[in-house]
Amino acid sequence: MAVPVLFDLRPKERIEELYDFRDELNKLIACYRDGRIAVILGIRRMGKSSLLRSFLNIMEYHIY
């Protein structure tokens, strides 16, 4: 098993690669299950795209 690189410039695409985003990921999953709309906001390079891509990879159906 390869060790994930935390400070890679490319967005992460797997949950295992995320660092300290478990609460945010759980909130995003809860919004999805409840049928609510979620908005991911934050300053540059905080991991917004990584969070979204990781979330979408665990969902069965999605549009990106």
Protein backbone atom coordinates (compact mmCIF):
# COMPACT_ATOMS: atom_id res chain seq x y z
CA MET A 1 0.00 0.00 0.00
CA ALA A 2 1.40 3.35 -1.01
CA VAL A 3 1.68 6.14 1.52
CA PRO A 4 -0.40 9.19 0.44
CA VAL A 5 1.43 12.41 -0.20
CA LEU A 6 -0.32 15.09 1.84
CA PHE A 7 1.05 18.13 0.05
CA ASP A 8 0.67 17.06 -3.55
CA LEU A 9 -0.49 19.87 -5.85
CA ARG A 10 -3.22 17.76 -7.44
CA PRO A 11 -6.60 17.34 -5.72
CA LYS A 12 -7.04 14.08 -3.82
CA GLU A 13 -9.62 11.64 -5.15
CA ARG A 14 -9.85 9.00 -2.43
CA ILE A 15 -11.04 9.23 1.16
CA GLU A 16 -7.82 7.62 2.36
CA GLU A 17 -5.85 10.56 0.96
CA LEU A 18 -7.85 13.24 2.79
CA TYR A 19 -6.29 14.77 5.87
CA ASP A 20 -8.57 15.93 8.71
CA PHE A 21 -11.77 16.26 6.65
CA ARG A 22 -13.85 13.52 8.31
CA ASP A 23 -16.37 15.93 9.88
CA GLU A 24 -16.84 17.84 6.63
CA LEU A 25 -17.21 14.61 4.66
CA ASN A 26 -19.83 13.31 7.12
CA LYS A 27 -21.78 16.58 6.86
CA LEU A 28 -21.66 16.39 3.07
CA ILE A 29 -22.93 12.80 3.14
CA ALA A 30 -25.74 13.81 5.53
CA CYS A 31 -26.80 16.64 3.21
CA TYR A 32 -26.83 14.25 0.27
CA ARG A 33 -28.92 11.66 2.09
CA ASP A 34 -31.41 14.30 3.27
CA GLY A 35 -31.76 15.72 -0.24
CA ARG A 36 -30.35 19.10 0.76
CA ILE A 37 -28.03 21.29 -1.29
CA ALA A 38 -24.50 21.72 0.07
CA VAL A 39 -22.10 24.51 -0.75
CA ILE A 40 -18.37 24.00 -0.20
CA LEU A 41 -16.68 27.30 0.57
CA GLY A 42 -13.17 28.16 1.67
CA ILE A 43 -10.04 30.06 0.79
CA ARG A 44 -7.61 28.89 -1.88
CA ARG A 45 -5.81 25.56 -1.45
CA MET A 46 -7.82 24.43 1.58
CA GLY A 47 -8.97 21.15 0.02
CA LYS A 48 -12.40 21.99 -1.39
CA SER A 49 -11.84 20.08 -4.64
CA SER A 50 -10.27 17.16 -2.81
CA LEU A 51 -13.26 16.95 -0.47
CA LEU A 52 -15.70 17.06 -3.38
CA ARG A 53 -13.83 14.51 -5.51
CA SER A 54 -13.45 12.11 -2.60
CA PHE A 55 -17.15 12.45 -1.81
CA LEU A 56 -18.14 11.82 -5.42
CA ASN A 57 -15.97 8.72 -5.63
CA ILE A 58 -17.92 7.06 -2.83
CA MET A 59 -21.33 7.96 -4.31
CA GLU A 60 -22.91 5.59 -6.79
CA TYR A 61 -24.37 8.27 -9.07
CA HIS A 62 -23.08 11.79 -9.51
CA ILE A 63 -22.53 14.65 -11.93
CA TYR A 64 -19.32 16.67 -11.77
